[in-house]
Protein backbone atom coordinates (compact mmCIF):
# COMPACT_ATOMS: atom_id res chain seq x y z
CA MET A 1 111.07 -27.84 104.86
CA ALA A 2 113.76 -30.64 105.47
CA PHE A 3 115.54 -28.57 108.23
CA GLU A 4 112.26 -28.03 109.84
CA ASN A 5 111.42 -31.87 109.74
CA PHE A 6 114.94 -32.19 111.29
CA SER A 7 115.59 -30.04 113.93
CA LYS A 8 112.09 -31.56 115.08
CA SER A 9 113.26 -35.17 115.18
CA ILE A 10 116.05 -33.76 116.76
CA LYS A 11 114.47 -31.97 119.53
CA ASN A 12 112.51 -35.55 120.33
CA LEU A 13 115.60 -36.91 120.34
CA GLY A 14 116.98 -34.52 122.87
CA VAL A 15 113.94 -35.54 124.92
CA ASN A 16 114.46 -38.99 124.67
CA ILE A 17 118.23 -38.97 125.50
CA LYS A 18 117.19 -36.85 128.47
CA GLN A 19 114.56 -39.70 129.48
CA ALA A 20 117.33 -42.06 129.08
CA MET A 21 119.77 -39.90 131.33
CA THR A 22 117.30 -39.89 134.22
CA LEU A 23 117.54 -43.73 134.50
CA LYS A 24 121.41 -43.64 134.41
CA GLY A 25 121.59 -44.34 138.12
CA GLN A 26 118.69 -46.85 138.28
CA ASN A 27 119.10 -48.85 134.94
CA GLU A 28 122.33 -50.72 133.35
CA LYS A 29 119.98 -50.19 130.14
CA SER A 30 120.56 -46.38 130.09
CA LEU A 31 123.89 -46.23 128.32
CA ALA A 32 122.28 -48.44 125.47
CA ASN A 33 119.36 -45.97 125.37
CA ILE A 34 121.44 -43.34 125.02
CA MET A 35 123.54 -45.13 122.28
CA LYS A 36 120.31 -45.99 120.18
CA TYR A 37 119.20 -42.74 120.16
CA VAL A 38 123.02 -41.41 119.14
CA ASP A 39 122.56 -43.76 116.11
CA GLU A 40 119.38 -42.36 115.17
CA ILE A 41 121.03 -39.01 114.69
CA ALA A 42 123.59 -40.58 112.70
CA GLU A 43 120.82 -42.27 110.75
CA LEU A 44 119.07 -38.52 110.15
CA GLN A 45 122.30 -36.15 109.83
CA THR A 46 122.95 -37.80 105.96
CA LEU A 47 126.17 -37.13 106.28
CA GLN A 48 127.48 -40.63 106.04
CA GLY A 49 130.09 -41.25 103.38
CA THR A 50 131.42 -37.82 103.00
CA PRO A 51 135.05 -36.39 103.30
CA LYS A 52 136.67 -36.10 106.72
CA GLU A 53 135.27 -33.61 109.07
CA LYS A 54 138.23 -30.70 108.27
CA GLU A 55 137.16 -31.23 104.69
CA LEU A 56 133.24 -31.13 104.94
CA THR A 57 132.85 -27.53 104.42
CA SER A 58 135.77 -26.84 101.85
CA TYR A 59 132.61 -26.50 99.45
CA TYR A 60 129.53 -24.93 100.38
CA LEU A 61 126.50 -23.90 98.96
CA HIS A 62 123.81 -21.79 100.37
CA ASP A 63 121.19 -20.11 98.18
CA ILE A 64 118.11 -18.19 98.64
CA PRO A 65 116.46 -16.93 95.62
CA GLY A 66 118.95 -13.85 94.29
CA ARG A 67 121.67 -14.71 96.68
CA LEU A 68 123.58 -17.71 95.97
CA ARG A 69 126.40 -18.17 98.69
CA ILE A 70 129.64 -20.39 96.96
CA LYS A 71 132.65 -21.41 99.32
CA SER A 72 135.67 -22.97 97.49
CA PRO A 73 139.21 -23.39 99.10
CA LYS A 74 139.69 -22.65 95.23
CA LEU A 75 139.45 -19.15 96.55
CA LYS A 76 140.73 -19.25 99.53
CA LYS A 77 143.96 -16.75 99.64
CA ASN A 78 144.02 -16.68 96.08
CA LYS A 79 143.40 -13.11 94.55
CA LYS A 80 144.30 -14.59 91.09
CA ALA A 81 141.54 -16.82 91.06
CA VAL A 82 139.12 -14.23 92.56
CA THR A 83 140.17 -11.82 89.76
CA GLU A 84 139.56 -14.69 86.86
CA VAL A 85 136.28 -15.65 88.44
CA LYS A 86 135.33 -11.66 88.70
CA ASN A 87 136.23 -11.66 84.98
CA MET A 88 134.29 -14.81 84.30
CA PHE A 89 131.11 -13.23 85.49
CA ASN A 90 131.42 -9.64 84.29
CA GLY A 91 128.83 -8.96 81.58
CA ILE A 92 126.47 -11.62 82.62
CA ASN A 93 122.73 -10.27 82.61
CA GLY A 94 121.38 -10.67 85.78
CA ILE A 95 123.95 -10.66 87.83
CA SER A 96 124.07 -7.45 90.03
CA ASN A 97 126.90 -7.90 92.66
CA LEU A 98 130.13 -10.42 93.54
CA ASP A 99 131.51 -10.00 96.91
CA PHE A 100 134.60 -12.30 97.85
CA ASN A 101 136.02 -13.10 101.54
CA LEU A 102 139.54 -14.06 100.81
CA ASN A 103 140.15 -15.30 104.19
CA THR A 104 137.41 -18.11 103.98
CA GLY A 105 137.07 -18.82 100.14
CA SER A 106 133.65 -17.67 100.19
CA MET A 107 131.97 -15.82 97.40
CA LEU A 108 128.45 -14.13 97.53
CA VAL A 109 126.44 -13.87 94.26
CA SER A 110 123.60 -11.39 94.21
CA TYR A 111 121.21 -12.19 91.02
CA ASP A 112 118.07 -11.61 89.60
CA SER A 113 116.22 -15.04 89.77
CA LYS A 114 114.18 -14.37 86.60
CA ALA A 115 117.19 -13.65 84.57
CA VAL A 116 119.58 -16.08 86.03
CA ASN A 117 119.17 -19.61 87.28
CA LYS A 118 121.30 -20.45 90.18
CA ASN A 119 122.59 -23.97 88.72
CA ASN A 120 124.13 -22.05 85.70
CA ILE A 121 126.43 -19.98 88.17
CA ILE A 122 127.40 -23.35 90.23
CA ASN A 123 128.09 -25.01 86.89
CA LEU A 124 129.85 -22.56 85.20
CA MET A 125 131.81 -22.37 88.29
CA ASN A 126 132.54 -25.91 88.69
CA GLU A 127 133.50 -26.40 84.77
CA LYS A 128 136.35 -23.99 84.91
CA GLY A 129 137.62 -25.72 88.40
CA TYR A 130 136.87 -22.94 91.07
CA PHE A 131 134.43 -25.29 92.48
CA ASP A 132 133.53 -29.13 93.02
CA LYS A 133 129.87 -30.05 92.87
CA SER A 134 130.59 -33.75 93.85
CA LYS A 135 132.04 -32.10 97.21
CA ALA A 136 129.73 -29.72 97.93
CA ILE A 137 127.48 -29.86 100.86
CA ASP A 138 124.12 -27.66 101.27
CA ASN A 139 123.03 -25.71 104.67
CA ASP A 140 120.58 -28.13 105.84
CA LYS A 141 123.75 -31.15 105.72
CA TYR A 142 125.93 -28.71 107.69
CA CYS A 143 123.52 -27.80 110.06
CA ALA A 144 122.84 -31.71 110.53
CA HIS A 145 126.77 -32.26 110.71
CA LEU A 146 126.87 -29.29 113.73
CA THR A 147 123.90 -30.74 115.58
CA ASN A 148 125.34 -34.29 115.28
CA ASN A 149 128.74 -32.95 116.62
CA ALA A 150 127.07 -31.15 119.59
CA LEU A 151 124.73 -33.94 120.46
CA SER A 152 127.89 -36.47 120.68
CA PHE A 153 129.90 -33.69 122.51
CA LEU A 154 126.96 -33.85 125.39
CA VAL A 155 126.62 -37.52 125.51
CA ASN A 156 130.22 -37.60 126.19
CA ILE A 157 130.41 -34.94 129.21
CA ILE A 158 127.43 -36.79 130.49
CA LEU A 159 128.70 -40.08 130.24
């Protein structure tokens, strides 16, 4: 729901930016109008105060019931950590599968949402040092970040 509302707001802002751009040759206020909308996008994106862009997606969570993706630099190209995490979850009732991507540090947990709470999985990863919840972003924040970058890029090209 939050992402849908965000998407609608971005579409409305895009229309407003396009309208401001039609004024570019006719009115010196067009740049101010564009910057106003870029500022609104920055307010919407909810990423103010996050780590540097390179570190932004180091810790990432995406969840739909029964499927949890956790991305962590602690798992990236670290076979030992992956083996330890597999052993940590081995035998936990309700977890049906673990898939890892060593190149990205991503872990996909397939689980029975009636038997296992996703927060228990996240907390266990956090407690054992394989994940840092305080640095994690979710899909909505990640999409907002990408949208902001794309719109900023377009504004820079237009100007």
